[in-house]
Amino acid sequence: VTSTAATVDEIIAEIAATRITERGATRADDRASEA
C-alpha cells in the first residue's frame, strides 16, 4: 500500500483512519471469488 508511515505510531494513525481491511486491500487470493 502507498504509505509514508515509518513508525508504529504512524502506522496506528494510518490504520485508524482507513476503511478497507488489510486483506481486502492487499491479497489477490481473496479476490478470486466472493467465497
Full PDB file with SEQRES, HELIX, SHEET, SSBOND, CRYST1, ORIGX, SCALE, CONECT and MASTER records, all heavy atoms in Angstrom:
SEQRES   1 A   35  VAL THR SER THR ALA ALA THR VAL ASP GLU ILE ILE ALA          
SEQRES   2 A   35  GLU ILE ALA ALA THR ARG ILE THR GLU ARG GLY ALA THR          
SEQRES   3 A   35  ARG ALA ASP ASP ARG ALA SER GLU ALA                          
HELIX    1 AA1 VAL A    8  ALA A   17  1                                  10    
HELIX    2 AA2 GLU A   22  THR A   26  1                                   5    
HELIX    3 AA3 ALA A   28  ARG A   31  5                                   4    
CRYST1    1.000    1.000    1.000  90.00  90.00  90.00 P 1           1          
ORIGX1      1.000000  0.000000  0.000000        0.00000                         
ORIGX2      0.000000  1.000000  0.000000        0.00000                         
ORIGX3      0.000000  0.000000  1.000000        0.00000                         
SCALE1      1.000000  0.000000  0.000000        0.00000                         
SCALE2      0.000000  1.000000  0.000000        0.00000                         
SCALE3      0.000000  0.000000  1.000000        0.00000                         
ATOM      1  N   VAL A   1       0.855  -1.183   0.000  1.00  0.00           N  
ATOM      2  CA  VAL A   1       0.000   0.000   0.000  1.00  0.00           C  
ATOM      3  C   VAL A   1       0.897   1.240   0.000  1.00  0.00           C  
ATOM      4  O   VAL A   1       1.960   1.243   0.620  1.00  0.00           O  
ATOM      5  CB  VAL A   1      -0.951   0.039   1.210  1.00  0.00           C  
ATOM      6  CG1 VAL A   1      -1.947  -1.092   1.137  1.00  0.00           C  
ATOM      7  CG2 VAL A   1      -0.192  -0.004   2.530  1.00  0.00           C  
ATOM      8  N   THR A   2       0.480   2.266  -0.702  1.00  0.00           N  
ATOM      9  CA  THR A   2       1.214   3.526  -0.686  1.00  0.00           C  
ATOM     10  C   THR A   2       1.131   4.117   0.724  1.00  0.00           C  
ATOM     11  O   THR A   2       0.040   4.252   1.285  1.00  0.00           O  
ATOM     12  CB  THR A   2       0.623   4.513  -1.700  1.00  0.00           C  
ATOM     13  OG1 THR A   2       0.658   3.912  -2.994  1.00  0.00           O  
ATOM     14  CG2 THR A   2       1.413   5.805  -1.720  1.00  0.00           C  
ATOM     15  N   SER A   3       2.287   4.432   1.286  1.00  0.00           N  
ATOM     16  CA  SER A   3       2.297   4.893   2.673  1.00  0.00           C  
ATOM     17  C   SER A   3       3.607   5.585   2.990  1.00  0.00           C  
ATOM     18  O   SER A   3       4.648   5.253   2.422  1.00  0.00           O  
ATOM     19  CB  SER A   3       2.108   3.698   3.625  1.00  0.00           C  
ATOM     20  OG  SER A   3       2.283   4.083   4.977  1.00  0.00           O  
ATOM     21  N   THR A   4       3.531   6.547   3.917  1.00  0.00           N  
ATOM     22  CA  THR A   4       4.741   7.186   4.448  1.00  0.00           C  
ATOM     23  C   THR A   4       4.916   6.858   5.923  1.00  0.00           C  
ATOM     24  O   THR A   4       5.759   7.455   6.593  1.00  0.00           O  
ATOM     25  CB  THR A   4       4.667   8.716   4.271  1.00  0.00           C  
ATOM     26  OG1 THR A   4       3.495   9.214   4.947  1.00  0.00           O  
ATOM     27  CG2 THR A   4       4.609   9.097   2.797  1.00  0.00           C  
ATOM     28  N   ALA A   5       4.147   5.903   6.432  1.00  0.00           N  
ATOM     29  CA  ALA A   5       4.197   5.549   7.857  1.00  0.00           C  
ATOM     30  C   ALA A   5       5.496   4.804   8.163  1.00  0.00           C  
ATOM     31  O   ALA A   5       5.663   3.648   7.771  1.00  0.00           O  
ATOM     32  CB  ALA A   5       2.989   4.701   8.241  1.00  0.00           C  
ATOM     33  N   ALA A   6       6.384   5.464   8.891  1.00  0.00           N  
ATOM     34  CA  ALA A   6       7.710   4.900   9.145  1.00  0.00           C  
ATOM     35  C   ALA A   6       7.912   4.489  10.595  1.00  0.00           C  
ATOM     36  O   ALA A   6       8.980   3.994  10.959  1.00  0.00           O  
ATOM     37  CB  ALA A   6       8.787   5.904   8.749  1.00  0.00           C  
ATOM     38  N   THR A   7       6.896   4.688  11.436  1.00  0.00           N  
ATOM     39  CA  THR A   7       6.963   4.289  12.847  1.00  0.00           C  
ATOM     40  C   THR A   7       5.672   3.569  13.215  1.00  0.00           C  
ATOM     41  O   THR A   7       4.659   3.663  12.499  1.00  0.00           O  
ATOM     42  CB  THR A   7       7.133   5.504  13.770  1.00  0.00           C  
ATOM     43  OG1 THR A   7       5.932   6.299  13.723  1.00  0.00           O  
ATOM     44  CG2 THR A   7       8.336   6.355  13.365  1.00  0.00           C  
ATOM     45  N   VAL A   8       5.688   2.879  14.340  1.00  0.00           N  
ATOM     46  CA  VAL A   8       4.483   2.177  14.790  1.00  0.00           C  
ATOM     47  C   VAL A   8       3.362   3.171  15.059  1.00  0.00           C  
ATOM     48  O   VAL A   8       2.199   2.929  14.710  1.00  0.00           O  
ATOM     49  CB  VAL A   8       4.791   1.335  16.045  1.00  0.00           C  
ATOM     50  CG1 VAL A   8       3.505   0.752  16.638  1.00  0.00           C  
ATOM     51  CG2 VAL A   8       5.761   0.202  15.708  1.00  0.00           C  
ATOM     52  N   ASP A   9       3.679   4.309  15.665  1.00  0.00           N  
ATOM     53  CA  ASP A   9       2.653   5.325  15.926  1.00  0.00           C  
ATOM     54  C   ASP A   9       2.009   5.815  14.630  1.00  0.00           C  
ATOM     55  O   ASP A   9       0.787   6.006  14.560  1.00  0.00           O  
ATOM     56  CB  ASP A   9       3.259   6.511  16.683  1.00  0.00           C  
ATOM     57  CG  ASP A   9       3.509   6.202  18.155  1.00  0.00           C  
ATOM     58  OD1 ASP A   9       2.840   5.295  18.685  1.00  0.00           O  
ATOM     59  OD2 ASP A   9       4.369   6.863  18.764  1.00  0.00           O  
ATOM     60  N   GLU A  10       2.817   6.004  13.609  1.00  0.00           N  
ATOM     61  CA  GLU A  10       2.281   6.470  12.325  1.00  0.00           C  
ATOM     62  C   GLU A  10       1.428   5.390  11.658  1.00  0.00           C  
ATOM     63  O   GLU A  10       0.414   5.694  11.017  1.00  0.00           O  
ATOM     64  CB  GLU A  10       3.427   6.893  11.406  1.00  0.00           C  
ATOM     65  CG  GLU A  10       4.104   8.185  11.850  1.00  0.00           C  
ATOM     66  CD  GLU A  10       5.347   8.509  11.037  1.00  0.00           C  
ATOM     67  OE1 GLU A  10       5.796   7.651  10.238  1.00  0.00           O  
ATOM     68  OE2 GLU A  10       5.886   9.621  11.221  1.00  0.00           O  
ATOM     69  N   ILE A  11       1.824   4.131  11.814  1.00  0.00           N  
ATOM     70  CA  ILE A  11       1.018   3.027  11.275  1.00  0.00           C  
ATOM     71  C   ILE A  11      -0.333   2.967  11.976  1.00  0.00           C  
ATOM     72  O   ILE A  11      -1.379   2.807  11.332  1.00  0.00           O  
ATOM     73  CB  ILE A  11       1.773   1.684  11.424  1.00  0.00           C  
ATOM     74  CG1 ILE A  11       2.961   1.639  10.469  1.00  0.00           C  
ATOM     75  CG2 ILE A  11       0.828   0.503  11.164  1.00  0.00           C  
ATOM     76  CD1 ILE A  11       3.865   0.442  10.668  1.00  0.00           C  
ATOM     77  N   ILE A  12      -0.344   3.130  13.295  1.00  0.00           N  
ATOM     78  CA  ILE A  12      -1.591   3.104  14.059  1.00  0.00           C  
ATOM     79  C   ILE A  12      -2.516   4.226  13.605  1.00  0.00           C  
ATOM     80  O   ILE A  12      -3.732   4.018  13.413  1.00  0.00           O  
ATOM     81  CB  ILE A  12      -1.293   3.186  15.570  1.00  0.00           C  
ATOM     82  CG1 ILE A  12      -0.668   1.867  16.043  1.00  0.00           C  
ATOM     83  CG2 ILE A  12      -2.559   3.502  16.364  1.00  0.00           C  
ATOM     84  CD1 ILE A  12      -0.156   1.903  17.460  1.00  0.00           C  
ATOM     85  N   ALA A  13      -1.972   5.423  13.416  1.00  0.00           N  
ATOM     86  CA  ALA A  13      -2.783   6.548  12.943  1.00  0.00           C  
ATOM     87  C   ALA A  13      -3.348   6.269  11.554  1.00  0.00           C  
ATOM     88  O   ALA A  13      -4.510   6.592  11.257  1.00  0.00           O  
ATOM     89  CB  ALA A  13      -1.942   7.823  12.939  1.00  0.00           C  
ATOM     90  N   GLU A  14      -2.552   5.644  10.705  1.00  0.00           N  
ATOM     91  CA  GLU A  14      -2.988   5.321   9.344  1.00  0.00           C  
ATOM     92  C   GLU A  14      -4.121   4.297   9.351  1.00  0.00           C  
ATOM     93  O   GLU A  14      -5.130   4.447   8.653  1.00  0.00           O  
ATOM     94  CB  GLU A  14      -1.791   4.790   8.552  1.00  0.00           C  
ATOM     95  CG  GLU A  14      -2.072   4.493   7.097  1.00  0.00           C  
ATOM     96  CD  GLU A  14      -0.824   3.994   6.383  1.00  0.00           C  
ATOM     97  OE1 GLU A  14      -0.063   4.824   5.860  1.00  0.00           O  
ATOM     98  OE2 GLU A  14      -0.594   2.762   6.384  1.00  0.00           O  
ATOM     99  N   ILE A  15      -3.957   3.244  10.160  1.00  0.00           N  
ATOM    100  CA  ILE A  15      -4.967   2.187  10.217  1.00  0.00           C  
ATOM    101  C   ILE A  15      -6.270   2.704  10.820  1.00  0.00           C  
ATOM    102  O   ILE A  15      -7.368   2.341  10.385  1.00  0.00           O  
ATOM    103  CB  ILE A  15      -4.441   0.985  11.030  1.00  0.00           C  
ATOM    104  CG1 ILE A  15      -3.287   0.318  10.290  1.00  0.00           C  
ATOM    105  CG2 ILE A  15      -5.551  -0.040  11.275  1.00  0.00           C  
ATOM    106  CD1 ILE A  15      -2.547  -0.687  11.123  1.00  0.00           C  
ATOM    107  N   ALA A  16      -6.159   3.568  11.820  1.00  0.00           N  
ATOM    108  CA  ALA A  16      -7.353   4.112  12.471  1.00  0.00           C  
ATOM    109  C   ALA A  16      -8.221   4.896  11.499  1.00  0.00           C  
ATOM    110  O   ALA A  16      -9.442   4.997  11.682  1.00  0.00           O  
ATOM    111  CB  ALA A  16      -6.942   4.992  13.647  1.00  0.00           C  
ATOM    112  N   ALA A  17      -7.605   5.438  10.460  1.00  0.00           N  
ATOM    113  CA  ALA A  17      -8.338   6.267   9.505  1.00  0.00           C  
ATOM    114  C   ALA A  17      -8.839   5.491   8.293  1.00  0.00           C  
ATOM    115  O   ALA A  17      -9.707   5.985   7.555  1.00  0.00           O  
ATOM    116  CB  ALA A  17      -7.456   7.415   9.031  1.00  0.00           C  
ATOM    117  N   THR A  18      -8.325   4.286   8.061  1.00  0.00           N  
ATOM    118  CA  THR A  18      -8.699   3.561   6.853  1.00  0.00           C  
ATOM    119  C   THR A  18     -10.037   2.847   7.021  1.00  0.00           C  
ATOM    120  O   THR A  18     -10.436   2.500   8.140  1.00  0.00           O  
ATOM    121  CB  THR A  18      -7.614   2.528   6.473  1.00  0.00           C  
ATOM    122  OG1 THR A  18      -7.918   1.989   5.178  1.00  0.00           O  
ATOM    123  CG2 THR A  18      -7.560   1.382   7.476  1.00  0.00           C  
ATOM    124  N   ARG A  19     -10.711   2.604   5.910  1.00  0.00           N  
ATOM    125  CA  ARG A  19     -11.994   1.891   5.930  1.00  0.00           C  
ATOM    126  C   ARG A  19     -11.924   0.612   5.090  1.00  0.00           C  
ATOM    127  O   ARG A  19     -12.938   0.005   4.774  1.00  0.00           O  
ATOM    128  CB  ARG A  19     -13.111   2.795   5.401  1.00  0.00           C  
ATOM    129  CG  ARG A  19     -13.325   4.048   6.254  1.00  0.00           C  
ATOM    130  CD  ARG A  19     -14.461   4.906   5.718  1.00  0.00           C  
ATOM    131  NE  ARG A  19     -15.730   4.206   5.760  1.00  0.00           N  
ATOM    132  CZ  ARG A  19     -16.516   4.150   6.842  1.00  0.00           C  
ATOM    133  NH1 ARG A  19     -16.131   4.724   7.963  1.00  0.00           N  
ATOM    134  NH2 ARG A  19     -17.664   3.510   6.795  1.00  0.00           N  
ATOM    135  N   ILE A  20     -10.719   0.202   4.727  1.00  0.00           N  
ATOM    136  CA  ILE A  20     -10.521  -1.014   3.940  1.00  0.00           C  
ATOM    137  C   ILE A  20      -9.724  -2.004   4.774  1.00  0.00           C  
ATOM    138  O   ILE A  20      -8.695  -1.657   5.358  1.00  0.00           O  
ATOM    139  CB  ILE A  20      -9.756  -0.717   2.629  1.00  0.00           C  
ATOM    140  CG1 ILE A  20     -10.509   0.341   1.806  1.00  0.00           C  
ATOM    141  CG2 ILE A  20      -9.575  -1.996   1.808  1.00  0.00           C  
ATOM    142  CD1 ILE A  20      -9.756   0.777   0.564  1.00  0.00           C  
ATOM    143  N   THR A  21     -10.194  -3.250   4.849  1.00  0.00           N  
ATOM    144  CA  THR A  21      -9.474  -4.260   5.616  1.00  0.00           C  
ATOM    145  C   THR A  21      -8.138  -4.566   4.967  1.00  0.00           C  
ATOM    146  O   THR A  21      -7.955  -4.361   3.771  1.00  0.00           O  
ATOM    147  CB  THR A  21     -10.283  -5.566   5.738  1.00  0.00           C  
ATOM    148  OG1 THR A  21     -10.418  -6.154   4.442  1.00  0.00           O  
ATOM    149  CG2 THR A  21     -11.654  -5.307   6.340  1.00  0.00           C  
ATOM    150  N   GLU A  22      -7.215  -5.107   5.757  1.00  0.00           N  
ATOM    151  CA  GLU A  22      -5.882  -5.374   5.231  1.00  0.00           C  
ATOM    152  C   GLU A  22      -5.899  -6.397   4.109  1.00  0.00           C  
ATOM    153  O   GLU A  22      -5.195  -6.250   3.106  1.00  0.00           O  
ATOM    154  CB  GLU A  22      -4.950  -5.827   6.363  1.00  0.00           C  
ATOM    155  CG  GLU A  22      -5.396  -7.102   7.057  1.00  0.00           C  
ATOM    156  CD  GLU A  22      -4.701  -7.317   8.384  1.00  0.00           C  
ATOM    157  OE1 GLU A  22      -3.573  -7.825   8.369  1.00  0.00           O  
ATOM    158  OE2 GLU A  22      -5.292  -6.995   9.409  1.00  0.00           O  
ATOM    159  N   ARG A  23      -6.691  -7.451   4.244  1.00  0.00           N  
ATOM    160  CA  ARG A  23      -6.733  -8.463   3.191  1.00  0.00           C  
ATOM    161  C   ARG A  23      -7.508  -7.964   1.989  1.00  0.00           C  
ATOM    162  O   ARG A  23      -7.177  -8.275   0.845  1.00  0.00           O  
ATOM    163  CB  ARG A  23      -7.332  -9.768   3.724  1.00  0.00           C  
ATOM    164  CG  ARG A  23      -6.467 -10.460   4.753  1.00  0.00           C  
ATOM    165  CD  ARG A  23      -7.000 -11.862   5.073  1.00  0.00           C  
ATOM    166  NE  ARG A  23      -6.812 -12.766   3.951  1.00  0.00           N  
ATOM    167  CZ  ARG A  23      -5.754 -13.565   3.792  1.00  0.00           C  
ATOM    168  NH1 ARG A  23      -4.772 -13.556   4.667  1.00  0.00           N  
ATOM    169  NH2 ARG A  23      -5.674 -14.375   2.756  1.00  0.00           N  
ATOM    170  N   GLY A  24      -8.549  -7.179   2.233  1.00  0.00           N  
ATOM    171  CA  GLY A  24      -9.321  -6.629   1.131  1.00  0.00           C  
ATOM    172  C   GLY A  24      -8.496  -5.711   0.251  1.00  0.00           C  
ATOM    173  O   GLY A  24      -8.724  -5.599  -0.957  1.00  0.00           O  
ATOM    174  N   ALA A  25      -7.514  -5.070   0.849  1.00  0.00           N  
ATOM    175  CA  ALA A  25      -6.702  -4.116   0.101  1.00  0.00           C  
ATOM    176  C   ALA A  25      -5.493  -4.743  -0.570  1.00  0.00           C  
ATOM    177  O   ALA A  25      -5.000  -4.210  -1.568  1.00  0.00           O  
ATOM    178  CB  ALA A  25      -6.227  -3.007   1.043  1.00  0.00           C  
ATOM    179  N   THR A  26      -5.017  -5.882  -0.033  1.00  0.00           N  
ATOM    180  CA  THR A  26      -3.681  -6.319  -0.455  1.00  0.00           C  
ATOM    181  C   THR A  26      -3.549  -7.792  -0.806  1.00  0.00           C  
ATOM    182  O   THR A  26      -2.448  -8.225  -1.130  1.00  0.00           O  
ATOM    183  CB  THR A  26      -2.664  -6.023   0.669  1.00  0.00           C  
ATOM    184  OG1 THR A  26      -3.011  -6.787   1.834  1.00  0.00           O  
ATOM    185  CG2 THR A  26      -2.644  -4.550   1.030  1.00  0.00           C  
ATOM    186  N   ARG A  27      -4.615  -8.584  -0.777  1.00  0.00           N  
ATOM    187  CA  ARG A  27      -4.458 -10.012  -1.038  1.00  0.00           C  
ATOM    188  C   ARG A  27      -5.253 -10.432  -2.267  1.00  0.00           C  
ATOM    189  O   ARG A  27      -6.484 -10.500  -2.245  1.00  0.00           O  
ATOM    190  CB  ARG A  27      -4.893 -10.831   0.181  1.00  0.00           C  
ATOM    191  CG  ARG A  27      -4.004 -10.624   1.396  1.00  0.00           C  
ATOM    192  CD  ARG A  27      -2.547 -11.004   1.138  1.00  0.00           C  
ATOM    193  NE  ARG A  27      -2.382 -12.425   0.953  1.00  0.00           N  
ATOM    194  CZ  ARG A  27      -2.057 -13.253   1.947  1.00  0.00           C  
ATOM    195  NH1 ARG A  27      -1.857 -12.793   3.175  1.00  0.00           N  
ATOM    196  NH2 ARG A  27      -1.923 -14.532   1.715  1.00  0.00           N  
ATOM    197  N   ALA A  28      -4.530 -10.768  -3.341  1.00  0.00           N  
ATOM    198  CA  ALA A  28      -5.169 -11.177  -4.588  1.00  0.00           C  
ATOM    199  C   ALA A  28      -5.898 -12.501  -4.434  1.00  0.00           C  
ATOM    200  O   ALA A  28      -6.897 -12.753  -5.110  1.00  0.00           O  
ATOM    201  CB  ALA A  28      -4.122 -11.282  -5.692  1.00  0.00           C  
ATOM    202  N   ASP A  29      -5.415 -13.375  -3.535  1.00  0.00           N  
ATOM    203  CA  ASP A  29      -6.034 -14.688  -3.377  1.00  0.00           C  
ATOM    204  C   ASP A  29      -7.454 -14.600  -2.837  1.00  0.00           C  
ATOM    205  O   ASP A  29      -8.252 -15.513  -3.021  1.00  0.00           O  
ATOM    206  CB  ASP A  29      -5.172 -15.595  -2.486  1.00  0.00           C  
ATOM    207  CG  ASP A  29      -4.711 -14.915  -1.210  1.00  0.00           C  
ATOM    208  OD1 ASP A  29      -4.471 -13.690  -1.232  1.00  0.00           O  
ATOM    209  OD2 ASP A  29      -4.560 -15.593  -0.190  1.00  0.00           O  
ATOM    210  N   ASP A  30      -7.786 -13.500  -2.146  1.00  0.00           N  
ATOM    211  CA  ASP A  30      -9.139 -13.337  -1.622  1.00  0.00           C  
ATOM    212  C   ASP A  30     -10.100 -12.766  -2.656  1.00  0.00           C  
ATOM    213  O   ASP A  30     -11.297 -12.662  -2.411  1.00  0.00           O  
ATOM    214  CB  ASP A  30      -9.125 -12.411  -0.405  1.00  0.00           C  
ATOM    215  CG  ASP A  30      -8.485 -13.067   0.813  1.00  0.00           C  
ATOM    216  OD1 ASP A  30      -8.246 -14.283   0.747  1.00  0.00           O  
ATOM    217  OD2 ASP A  30      -8.219 -12.373   1.806  1.00  0.00           O  
ATOM    218  N   ARG A  31      -9.567 -12.371  -3.829  1.00  0.00           N  
ATOM    219  CA  ARG A  31     -10.406 -11.745  -4.836  1.00  0.00           C  
ATOM    220  C   ARG A  31     -10.851 -12.729  -5.917  1.00  0.00           C  
ATOM    221  O   ARG A  31     -11.561 -12.350  -6.849  1.00  0.00           O  
ATOM    222  CB  ARG A  31      -9.649 -10.593  -5.509  1.00  0.00           C  
ATOM    223  CG  ARG A  31      -9.227  -9.494  -4.532  1.00  0.00           C  
ATOM    224  CD  ARG A  31      -8.536  -8.375  -5.268  1.00  0.00           C  
ATOM    225  NE  ARG A  31      -8.099  -7.313  -4.382  1.00  0.00           N  
ATOM    226  CZ  ARG A  31      -7.610  -6.153  -4.784  1.00  0.00           C  
ATOM    227  NH1 ARG A  31      -7.482  -5.927  -6.085  1.00  0.00           N  
ATOM    228  NH2 ARG A  31      -7.232  -5.230  -3.925  1.00  0.00           N  
ATOM    229  N   ALA A  32     -10.434 -13.981  -5.794  1.00  0.00           N  
ATOM    230  CA  ALA A  32     -10.755 -14.962  -6.834  1.00  0.00           C  
ATOM    231  C   ALA A  32     -12.259 -15.155  -6.983  1.00  0.00           C  
ATOM    232  O   ALA A  32     -12.773 -15.346  -8.073  1.00  0.00           O  
ATOM    233  CB  ALA A  32     -10.083 -16.297  -6.513  1.00  0.00           C  
ATOM    234  N   SER A  33     -12.979 -15.108  -5.856  1.00  0.00           N  
ATOM    235  CA  SER A  33     -14.433 -15.199  -5.874  1.00  0.00           C  
ATOM    236  C   SER A  33     -14.956 -14.641  -4.565  1.00  0.00           C  
ATOM    237  O   SER A  33     -14.196 -14.370  -3.639  1.00  0.00           O  
ATOM    238  CB  SER A  33     -14.901 -16.655  -6.038  1.00  0.00           C  
ATOM    239  OG  SER A  33     -14.679 -17.392  -4.849  1.00  0.00           O  
ATOM    240  N   GLU A  34     -16.270 -14.486  -4.468  1.00  0.00           N  
ATOM    241  CA  GLU A  34     -16.885 -13.936  -3.261  1.00  0.00           C  
ATOM    242  C   GLU A  34     -16.631 -14.842  -2.057  1.00  0.00           C  
ATOM    243  O   GLU A  34     -16.541 -14.379  -0.923  1.00  0.00           O  
ATOM    244  CB  GLU A  34     -18.403 -13.791  -3.492  1.00  0.00           C  
ATOM    245  CG  GLU A  34     -19.143 -13.047  -2.394  1.00  0.00           C  
ATOM    246  CD  GLU A  34     -18.826 -11.558  -2.364  1.00  0.00           C  
ATOM    247  OE1 GLU A  34     -18.245 -11.048  -3.338  1.00  0.00           O  
ATOM    248  OE2 GLU A  34     -19.159 -10.906  -1.359  1.00  0.00           O  
ATOM    249  N   ALA A  35     -16.519 -16.147  -2.314  1.00  0.00           N  
ATOM    250  CA  ALA A  35     -16.333 -17.104  -1.226  1.00  0.00           C  
ATOM    251  C   ALA A  35     -14.950 -17.752  -1.268  1.00  0.00           C  
ATOM    252  O   ALA A  35     -14.769 -18.883  -0.823  1.00  0.00           O  
ATOM    253  CB  ALA A  35     -17.409 -18.184  -1.300  1.00  0.00           C  
TER     254      ALA A  35                                                      
MASTER        0    0    0    3    0    0    0    6  253    1    0    3          
END                                                                             
